[in-house]
Amino acid sequence: MLDPVFVRDHLDEVRQGLQSRGLDAGTELEQLASLEAHRRRLIPQVEGLKREQNAAGDEVARAKRQGQDASHIFEANRQRAQKIKQLDIELDQIERHRTMILETLPNLPHASVPRGASSADNAVVRAWGDKPVFDFEPKAHWDLGPELGIIDFERATKISGARFAVLMGAGAQLERALINFMLTLHTTKHGYTEVEPPFLVSGSTLYGTGQLPKFEQDLFKISGDWDLYLIPTAEVPVTNLYRGEILDGRQLPLKYTAYTPCFRSEAGSHGADVRGLIRQHQFDKVELVKFTTPETSYDELERLTADAEQVLQLLGLAYRTVALCTGDIGFSSAKTYDIEVWLPSQQTYREISSCSNCEAFQARRANIKYRPGGVGKAEFVHTLNGSGLAVGRTLIAILENYQQKDGSVMIPEALRPFMGGRERIESK
């Protein structure tokens, strides 16, 4: 959530920032300005009446000591108390209305974010690795997987419907190996602490990271009286670990990694992404989350992105890193890098990780603060998150980039210890 004080004092800057995202929020900002003006008129009235009420208490005590009639003071107090109650209700309504508007406004882009309207305006920051050269026509993973007997789309559809998959044999082993490989890398080499969070979370938890109320249609909610949703990403429960807490600034940054299944309805998605494993309702992901100070958060974003990139480097998969433009960054993000892996079947790079700095946007919603030096006034932390990586898409990239002319798939060397020494996946 945006800082209401910042919005009040920098209205033109906020308007320009939202316009750079392609959002015309003129009406909302005018409403916020009007509500703020009304609020600032009411607060002195309420404070003045409360001071009068306190002073009247002293008058009553003095009148009683002097044996005087205090009934007129009691009546004035009663009327004043009623007025205070009415104004408090009005202030509460203004506060709730202001919060409702702020909940709909996305984060403001950082000054370093490229300006643009869509993904076509994203900027390539760097590229790594050589794309494979084949002396045969490379196959897509949705053909390779079934032919090898390691992915079964038809039986998944029978079990659950469209956009699910069953991994069999070496496919299931490869998925598990990738999860273990990523977690081991991030905990032993990059210094993250592993977390296994709940896969079901409350509405207030999703509110803290910005999924609710705006993106409820993309979530799977548990039916009945439960206030529980299946998580769309481990970012949600891990970021909320410290909801409502004040951290010791001397311990920052805090770095966590977590494997979870992720669940997204994404009802609006369609086209080529629906085929195969690219965009599933259920998928595995290893997530990276950081809690940092505002002064260090952008350096930590660079490090987090590099940590995710190293997964692809060790697996020998060509990729590029892209800075998303203002019109393409997510709701909670102030700056995002997408890491895109090369897929031979599509002759293009496809997103495999998004690494974002949300600054204080999520922390303000979840009320996560820290005390610099461990003492003094509490301030909002900056929260960062990124996929390290999306496991299913990494599996896709391995199948397509390491496929052989005979239809088999070589296992990257870095992954073989997690595959029991297995070097190749072959059809049986």
Protein backbone atom coordinates (compact mmCIF):
# COMPACT_ATOMS: atom_id res chain seq x y z
CA MET A 1 0.00 0.00 0.00
CA LEU A 2 1.21 3.51 -0.74
CA ASP A 3 2.02 5.79 2.17
CA PRO A 4 -1.05 8.04 2.58
CA VAL A 5 1.15 10.88 3.87
CA PHE A 6 3.40 10.60 0.80
CA VAL A 7 0.36 10.59 -1.47
CA ARG A 8 -0.98 13.69 0.29
CA ASP A 9 2.30 15.62 0.05
CA HIS A 10 3.39 14.46 -3.42
CA LEU A 11 0.15 14.20 -5.35
CA ASP A 12 1.63 15.16 -8.73
CA GLU A 13 4.51 12.71 -8.35
CA VAL A 14 2.08 9.92 -7.47
CA ARG A 15 -0.14 10.82 -10.43
CA GLN A 16 2.84 10.70 -12.80
CA GLY A 17 4.05 7.41 -11.36
CA LEU A 18 0.65 5.79 -11.83
CA GLN A 19 0.32 7.24 -15.32
CA SER A 20 3.68 5.68 -16.24
CA ARG A 21 2.05 2.34 -15.37
CA GLY A 22 -0.77 3.13 -17.78
CA LEU A 23 -3.19 3.86 -14.96
CA ASP A 24 -5.40 6.94 -15.00
CA ALA A 25 -6.12 7.32 -11.30
CA GLY A 26 -7.19 10.96 -11.43
CA THR A 27 -10.58 10.27 -9.87
CA GLU A 28 -9.11 8.18 -7.06
CA LEU A 29 -6.44 10.78 -6.28
CA GLU A 30 -9.02 13.56 -6.25
CA GLN A 31 -11.10 11.52 -3.82
CA LEU A 32 -8.05 10.94 -1.63
CA ALA A 33 -7.25 14.66 -1.62
CA SER A 34 -10.84 15.52 -0.70
CA LEU A 35 -10.95 12.91 2.06
CA GLU A 36 -7.63 14.11 3.42
CA ALA A 37 -8.81 17.74 3.47
CA HIS A 38 -11.99 16.70 5.29
CA ARG A 39 -9.99 14.59 7.75
CA ARG A 40 -7.61 17.46 8.52
CA ARG A 41 -10.57 19.74 9.24
CA LEU A 42 -12.19 17.23 11.58
CA ILE A 43 -9.15 16.23 13.63
CA PRO A 44 -8.62 19.68 15.25
CA GLN A 45 -12.35 19.79 16.04
CA VAL A 46 -12.24 16.43 17.78
CA GLU A 47 -9.05 17.25 19.66
CA GLY A 48 -10.47 20.60 20.75
CA LEU A 49 -13.69 19.01 22.00
CA LYS A 50 -11.74 16.36 23.91
CA ARG A 51 -9.64 19.07 25.56
CA GLU A 52 -12.84 20.86 26.54
CA GLN A 53 -14.23 17.59 27.90
CA ASN A 54 -11.14 17.06 30.06
CA ALA A 55 -11.29 20.64 31.30
CA ALA A 56 -14.99 20.21 32.11
CA GLY A 57 -14.09 17.34 34.41
CA ASP A 58 -11.99 19.74 36.47
CA GLU A 59 -14.90 22.21 36.52
CA VAL A 60 -17.23 19.53 37.88
CA ALA A 61 -14.78 18.63 40.64
CA ARG A 62 -14.32 22.30 41.56
CA ALA A 63 -18.11 22.92 41.60
CA LYS A 64 -18.66 19.94 43.88
CA ARG A 65 -15.95 21.13 46.27
CA GLN A 66 -17.67 24.51 46.46
CA GLY A 67 -21.15 22.97 46.85
CA GLN A 68 -22.36 24.45 43.54
CA ASP A 69 -24.88 22.99 41.08
CA ALA A 70 -22.96 21.21 38.28
CA SER A 71 -25.97 19.98 36.28
CA HIS A 72 -25.37 22.48 33.47
CA ILE A 73 -21.80 21.22 33.14
CA PHE A 74 -23.00 17.60 33.00
CA GLU A 75 -25.45 18.51 30.23
CA ALA A 76 -22.76 20.30 28.25
CA ASN A 77 -20.52 17.28 28.72
CA ARG A 78 -23.24 14.95 27.49
CA GLN A 79 -23.80 16.99 24.35
CA ARG A 80 -20.07 17.34 23.77
CA ALA A 81 -19.55 13.59 24.21
CA GLN A 82 -22.27 12.93 21.64
CA LYS A 83 -20.60 15.34 19.22
CA ILE A 84 -17.22 13.66 19.76
CA LYS A 85 -18.80 10.27 19.10
CA GLN A 86 -20.35 11.52 15.84
CA LEU A 87 -17.07 13.05 14.65
CA ASP A 88 -15.13 9.88 15.58
CA ILE A 89 -17.58 7.85 13.47
CA GLU A 90 -17.13 10.31 10.61
CA LEU A 91 -13.34 10.11 10.92
CA ASP A 92 -13.49 6.31 10.95
CA GLN A 93 -15.60 6.33 7.77
CA ILE A 94 -13.13 8.68 6.10
CA GLU A 95 -10.23 6.43 7.15
CA ARG A 96 -11.93 3.31 5.81
CA HIS A 97 -12.84 5.03 2.54
CA ARG A 98 -9.26 6.27 2.14
CA THR A 99 -7.90 2.78 2.83
CA MET A 100 -10.29 1.23 0.28
CA ILE A 101 -8.96 3.58 -2.41
CA LEU A 102 -5.32 3.03 -1.44
CA GLU A 103 -5.86 -0.76 -1.61
CA THR A 104 -6.60 -0.47 -5.33
CA LEU A 105 -3.52 1.60 -6.23
CA PRO A 106 -0.33 -0.23 -7.28
CA ASN A 107 3.16 0.58 -6.13
CA LEU A 108 5.04 3.45 -7.73
CA PRO A 109 7.86 2.48 -10.13
CA HIS A 110 11.41 3.18 -9.00
CA ALA A 111 13.23 5.89 -10.95
CA SER A 112 15.48 3.27 -12.60
CA VAL A 113 12.55 1.33 -14.12
CA PRO A 114 12.36 1.76 -17.94
CA ARG A 115 9.32 3.74 -19.08
CA GLY A 116 7.00 1.84 -21.39
CA ALA A 117 3.48 0.61 -22.02
CA SER A 118 3.90 -3.16 -22.39
CA SER A 119 6.36 -6.06 -22.43
CA ALA A 120 7.57 -4.83 -25.81
CA ASP A 121 9.23 -1.95 -23.95
CA ASN A 122 11.15 -4.11 -21.47
CA ALA A 123 14.92 -3.67 -21.51
CA VAL A 124 17.39 -6.56 -21.83
CA VAL A 125 20.03 -6.08 -19.13
CA ARG A 126 22.29 -9.04 -19.91
CA ALA A 127 22.35 -12.44 -21.56
CA TRP A 128 24.27 -15.58 -20.61
CA GLY A 129 25.10 -18.87 -22.30
CA ASP A 130 25.01 -20.29 -25.80
CA LYS A 131 21.79 -21.49 -27.34
CA PRO A 132 22.01 -25.14 -28.37
CA VAL A 133 22.49 -25.98 -32.04
CA PHE A 134 20.70 -29.12 -33.26
CA ASP A 135 21.29 -31.17 -36.41
CA PHE A 136 17.65 -32.26 -36.18
CA GLU A 137 14.28 -30.62 -35.62
CA PRO A 138 13.99 -30.10 -31.82
CA LYS A 139 10.73 -31.15 -30.22
CA ALA A 140 8.57 -29.30 -27.74
CA HIS A 141 8.39 -30.62 -24.19
CA TRP A 142 4.71 -31.54 -24.65
CA ASP A 143 5.84 -34.05 -27.29
CA LEU A 144 9.10 -35.12 -25.65
CA GLY A 145 7.57 -35.80 -22.23
CA PRO A 146 4.81 -38.19 -23.38
CA GLU A 147 7.18 -39.97 -25.80
CA LEU A 148 9.62 -40.59 -22.96
CA GLY A 149 6.77 -41.71 -20.72
CA ILE A 150 7.58 -39.08 -18.09
CA ILE A 151 4.67 -36.61 -18.56
CA ASP A 152 1.04 -37.69 -18.86
CA PHE A 153 -1.39 -34.91 -19.75
CA GLU A 154 -4.32 -37.14 -20.65
CA ARG A 155 -4.53 -38.91 -17.30
CA ALA A 156 -4.09 -35.59 -15.49
CA THR A 157 -7.08 -34.25 -17.41
CA LYS A 158 -9.06 -37.32 -16.41
CA ILE A 159 -8.15 -36.74 -12.76
CA SER A 160 -8.42 -32.96 -12.48
CA GLY A 161 -9.31 -31.34 -15.81
CA ALA A 162 -7.33 -29.12 -18.14
CA ARG A 163 -3.98 -27.52 -17.25
CA PHE A 164 -2.71 -30.21 -14.93
CA ALA A 165 0.01 -32.82 -15.51
CA VAL A 166 1.15 -36.12 -14.04
CA LEU A 167 4.92 -36.61 -13.85
CA MET A 168 5.95 -40.25 -14.06
CA GLY A 169 9.18 -42.12 -13.33
CA ALA A 170 12.20 -40.06 -14.37
CA GLY A 171 9.95 -37.00 -14.80
CA ALA A 172 8.91 -37.08 -11.15
CA GLN A 173 12.51 -37.79 -10.16
CA LEU A 174 13.72 -34.84 -12.24
CA GLU A 175 11.20 -32.49 -10.59
CA ARG A 176 12.28 -33.62 -7.13
CA ALA A 177 15.96 -33.37 -8.06
CA LEU A 178 15.52 -29.79 -9.25
CA ILE A 179 13.81 -28.82 -5.98
CA ASN A 180 16.61 -30.35 -3.90
CA PHE A 181 19.30 -28.86 -6.13
CA MET A 182 17.86 -25.35 -5.82
CA LEU A 183 17.30 -25.53 -2.07
CA THR A 184 20.79 -26.90 -1.50
CA LEU A 185 22.35 -24.15 -3.64
CA HIS A 186 20.44 -21.33 -1.96
CA THR A 187 21.01 -22.55 1.60
CA THR A 188 24.65 -23.69 1.37
CA LYS A 189 26.05 -21.22 -1.16
CA HIS A 190 23.80 -18.16 -0.95
CA GLY A 191 23.06 -18.09 2.78
CA TYR A 192 19.26 -18.40 2.77
CA THR A 193 17.40 -20.14 5.58
CA GLU A 194 15.03 -22.85 4.38
CA VAL A 195 11.37 -22.56 5.38
CA GLU A 196 8.50 -24.98 4.90
CA PRO A 197 5.40 -22.79 5.31
CA PRO A 198 1.70 -23.72 5.24
CA PHE A 199 0.24 -24.11 1.76
CA LEU A 200 -3.10 -22.73 2.94
CA VAL A 201 -3.27 -19.12 4.13
CA SER A 202 -5.86 -16.69 5.44
CA GLY A 203 -7.33 -13.72 3.64
CA SER A 204 -5.38 -11.32 5.86
CA THR A 205 -2.15 -13.05 4.82
CA LEU A 206 -2.96 -12.56 1.12
CA TYR A 207 -3.91 -8.96 1.86
CA GLY A 208 -0.44 -8.41 3.34
CA THR A 209 1.33 -9.24 0.08
CA GLY A 210 -1.19 -7.52 -2.19
CA GLN A 211 -3.15 -10.42 -3.69
CA LEU A 212 -6.34 -9.36 -1.91
CA PRO A 213 -8.68 -7.73 -2.52
CA LYS A 214 -7.68 -6.91 -6.10
CA PHE A 215 -6.71 -10.37 -7.44
CA GLU A 216 -9.13 -12.71 -5.73
CA GLN A 217 -10.29 -14.10 -9.09
CA ASP A 218 -6.81 -15.60 -9.61
CA LEU A 219 -6.92 -17.58 -6.35
CA PHE A 220 -8.36 -20.93 -5.30
CA LYS A 221 -10.48 -20.43 -2.16
CA ILE A 222 -11.47 -23.24 0.19
CA SER A 223 -15.26 -23.69 0.16
CA GLY A 224 -17.49 -23.46 3.21
CA ASP A 225 -16.80 -21.31 6.24
CA TRP A 226 -13.01 -21.49 5.96
CA ASP A 227 -11.12 -18.22 5.48
CA LEU A 228 -8.38 -20.10 3.66
CA TYR A 229 -6.86 -19.99 0.18
CA LEU A 230 -4.32 -22.20 -1.60
CA ILE A 231 -1.13 -20.18 -1.94
CA PRO A 232 -0.29 -18.74 -5.40
CA THR A 233 3.39 -18.53 -4.41
CA ALA A 234 5.58 -19.09 -1.35
CA GLU A 235 6.14 -15.32 -1.32
CA VAL A 236 2.78 -15.04 0.43
CA PRO A 237 3.35 -17.13 3.59
CA VAL A 238 7.08 -16.38 3.86
CA THR A 239 6.67 -12.60 3.59
CA ASN A 240 3.95 -12.80 6.24
CA LEU A 241 6.23 -14.60 8.71
CA TYR A 242 6.80 -11.26 10.42
CA ARG A 243 3.39 -9.66 9.89
CA GLY A 244 2.64 -7.30 12.76
CA GLU A 245 6.19 -7.55 14.16
CA ILE A 246 9.11 -5.17 14.70
CA LEU A 247 12.48 -6.60 13.66
CA ASP A 248 15.94 -5.81 14.97
CA GLY A 249 17.61 -3.81 12.21
CA ARG A 250 20.99 -5.25 13.16
CA GLN A 251 19.79 -8.65 11.91
CA LEU A 252 18.80 -7.43 8.45
CA PRO A 253 18.82 -8.61 5.75
CA LEU A 254 16.87 -11.74 6.59
CA LYS A 255 16.96 -14.24 3.71
CA TYR A 256 14.60 -17.19 3.27
CA THR A 257 14.05 -19.84 0.65
CA ALA A 258 11.09 -22.18 0.43
CA TYR A 259 9.80 -24.93 -1.81
CA THR A 260 6.03 -25.03 -2.19
CA PRO A 261 3.46 -26.14 -4.70
CA CYS A 262 1.65 -23.09 -6.07
CA PHE A 263 -1.97 -22.81 -7.19
CA ARG A 264 -3.37 -20.22 -9.59
CA SER A 265 -6.66 -20.13 -11.44
CA GLU A 266 -5.51 -17.44 -13.91
CA ALA A 267 -8.89 -17.62 -15.63
CA GLY A 268 -7.93 -14.97 -18.16
CA SER A 269 -4.91 -16.85 -19.53
CA HIS A 270 -5.29 -18.43 -22.92
CA GLY A 271 -3.46 -19.26 -26.14
CA ALA A 272 -0.17 -21.09 -26.54
CA ASP A 273 0.71 -20.80 -22.82
CA VAL A 274 -2.08 -23.24 -21.94
CA ARG A 275 -0.39 -26.10 -23.78
CA GLY A 276 2.08 -28.28 -21.91
CA LEU A 277 3.63 -27.23 -18.60
CA ILE A 278 4.08 -23.52 -19.31
CA ARG A 279 1.02 -22.30 -17.38
CA GLN A 280 -0.54 -24.82 -15.01
CA HIS A 281 -3.11 -24.44 -12.25
CA GLN A 282 -0.67 -26.31 -9.97
CA PHE A 283 3.11 -26.03 -10.22
CA ASP A 284 6.22 -26.25 -8.05
CA LYS A 285 8.46 -23.34 -7.22
CA VAL A 286 11.46 -22.56 -5.05
CA GLU A 287 11.09 -19.01 -3.77
CA LEU A 288 13.57 -16.46 -2.42
CA VAL A 289 12.38 -13.78 0.05
CA LYS A 290 14.33 -10.99 1.74
CA PHE A 291 13.59 -8.44 4.46
CA THR A 292 15.95 -5.47 4.17
CA THR A 293 16.48 -1.85 5.11
CA PRO A 294 15.46 0.82 2.57
CA GLU A 295 19.10 1.84 2.15
CA THR A 296 20.21 -1.64 1.02
CA SER A 297 17.15 -3.03 -0.74
CA TYR A 298 18.26 -2.30 -4.30
CA ASP A 299 21.69 -3.83 -3.74
CA GLU A 300 19.89 -6.85 -2.28
CA LEU A 301 17.66 -7.02 -5.37
CA GLU A 302 20.75 -7.34 -7.56
CA ARG A 303 22.10 -10.11 -5.32
CA LEU A 304 18.78 -11.96 -5.23
CA THR A 305 18.56 -11.83 -9.04
CA ALA A 306 22.14 -13.11 -9.33
CA ASP A 307 21.30 -15.98 -6.95
CA ALA A 308 18.41 -17.04 -9.19
CA GLU A 309 20.55 -16.67 -12.32
CA GLN A 310 23.21 -18.99 -10.91
CA VAL A 311 20.73 -21.88 -10.99
CA LEU A 312 20.57 -21.55 -14.77
CA GLN A 313 24.33 -21.07 -15.07
CA LEU A 314 25.04 -24.28 -13.17
CA LEU A 315 22.49 -26.13 -15.30
CA GLY A 316 24.06 -24.74 -18.48
CA LEU A 317 20.84 -23.14 -19.73
CA ALA A 318 21.02 -19.99 -21.85
CA TYR A 319 19.02 -17.10 -20.48
CA ARG A 320 18.63 -13.36 -20.50
CA THR A 321 17.68 -10.92 -17.74
CA VAL A 322 15.15 -8.22 -18.52
CA ALA A 323 14.19 -5.08 -16.59
CA LEU A 324 10.41 -4.80 -16.79
CA CYS A 325 9.07 -1.43 -17.88
CA THR A 326 6.58 0.66 -15.93
CA GLY A 327 3.64 -0.76 -17.87
CA ASP A 328 4.61 -4.38 -17.19
CA ILE A 329 5.67 -4.58 -13.53
CA GLY A 330 3.40 -6.28 -11.01
CA PHE A 331 0.97 -4.61 -8.64
CA SER A 332 3.19 -4.67 -5.53
CA SER A 333 6.54 -4.17 -7.23
CA ALA A 334 8.63 -1.01 -7.48
CA LYS A 335 11.17 -2.74 -9.73
CA THR A 336 11.28 -6.20 -11.31
CA TYR A 337 13.81 -8.22 -13.26
CA ASP A 338 12.47 -11.15 -15.27
CA ILE A 339 14.90 -13.98 -15.98
CA GLU A 340 13.96 -15.66 -19.26
CA VAL A 341 15.29 -19.07 -20.30
CA TRP A 342 15.78 -20.11 -23.93
CA LEU A 343 13.25 -22.65 -25.25
CA PRO A 344 14.30 -24.21 -28.58
CA SER A 345 10.79 -25.36 -29.52
CA GLN A 346 9.49 -21.78 -29.46
CA GLN A 347 12.76 -20.15 -30.59
CA THR A 348 12.33 -17.55 -27.88
CA TYR A 349 13.11 -16.74 -24.28
CA ARG A 350 10.37 -17.46 -21.71
CA GLU A 351 10.07 -16.18 -18.17
CA ILE A 352 11.37 -18.56 -15.51
CA SER A 353 11.75 -16.10 -12.63
CA SER A 354 10.56 -12.66 -11.56
CA CYS A 355 12.71 -10.88 -8.97
CA SER A 356 11.09 -7.85 -7.38
CA ASN A 357 11.73 -5.14 -4.84
CA CYS A 358 8.38 -4.15 -3.30
CA GLU A 359 10.02 -1.51 -1.10
CA ALA A 360 7.64 -0.78 1.83
CA PHE A 361 4.45 -1.51 -0.14
CA GLN A 362 3.86 -4.97 1.33
CA ALA A 363 5.37 -4.11 4.71
CA ARG A 364 2.88 -1.26 5.11
CA ARG A 365 -0.03 -3.60 4.38
CA ALA A 366 1.36 -6.34 6.66
CA ASN A 367 2.72 -3.89 9.28
CA ILE A 368 6.28 -5.25 9.23
CA LYS A 369 8.77 -2.82 10.78
CA TYR A 370 12.34 -2.70 12.06
CA ARG A 371 14.33 -0.57 14.47
CA PRO A 372 17.63 0.67 12.97
CA GLY A 373 20.40 -0.38 15.30
CA GLY A 374 17.86 -2.34 17.31
CA VAL A 375 16.53 0.77 19.09
CA GLY A 376 14.66 3.95 18.34
CA LYS A 377 11.69 4.68 16.13
CA ALA A 378 10.35 1.75 14.11
CA GLU A 379 10.29 2.05 10.31
CA PHE A 380 8.84 -0.15 7.59
CA VAL A 381 11.17 -2.78 6.12
CA HIS A 382 11.58 -3.34 2.41
CA THR A 383 10.49 -6.77 1.14
CA LEU A 384 11.93 -8.57 -1.89
CA ASN A 385 10.99 -11.81 -3.58
CA GLY A 386 11.93 -13.90 -6.59
CA SER A 387 11.61 -17.37 -8.03
CA GLY A 388 14.75 -19.34 -7.58
CA LEU A 389 13.38 -20.95 -9.82
CA ALA A 390 10.00 -22.03 -11.16
CA VAL A 391 10.65 -25.78 -11.10
CA GLY A 392 8.31 -26.90 -13.87
CA ARG A 393 9.66 -24.36 -16.32
CA THR A 394 13.22 -25.42 -15.45
CA LEU A 395 12.21 -29.01 -16.20
CA ILE A 396 10.83 -27.82 -19.57
CA ALA A 397 14.09 -26.03 -20.35
CA ILE A 398 16.17 -29.13 -19.54
CA LEU A 399 14.03 -31.41 -21.69
CA GLU A 400 14.13 -29.07 -24.67
CA ASN A 401 17.74 -27.86 -24.47
CA TYR A 402 19.29 -31.25 -23.62
CA GLN A 403 17.27 -33.41 -26.02
CA GLN A 404 19.22 -35.75 -28.31
CA LYS A 405 18.61 -36.94 -31.85
CA ASP A 406 17.57 -40.40 -30.62
CA GLY A 407 14.82 -38.87 -28.48
CA SER A 408 16.64 -39.17 -25.16
CA VAL A 409 17.49 -36.27 -22.85
CA MET A 410 20.85 -35.74 -21.17
CA ILE A 411 20.87 -34.70 -17.50
CA PRO A 412 23.00 -31.60 -16.74
CA GLU A 413 26.10 -32.57 -14.79
CA ALA A 414 25.24 -30.37 -11.80
CA LEU A 415 21.95 -32.22 -11.42
CA ARG A 416 23.23 -35.78 -11.66
CA PRO A 417 24.09 -36.17 -7.95
CA PHE A 418 20.44 -35.37 -7.22
CA MET A 419 19.34 -37.96 -9.80
CA GLY A 420 21.22 -40.83 -8.21
CA GLY A 421 24.03 -40.44 -10.78
CA ARG A 422 21.66 -40.79 -13.71
CA GLU A 423 23.07 -39.25 -16.91
CA ARG A 424 20.25 -39.67 -19.40
CA ILE A 425 16.47 -40.10 -19.64
CA GLU A 426 15.47 -42.62 -22.29
CA SER A 427 12.16 -44.06 -23.41
CA LYS A 428 11.47 -47.55 -22.14
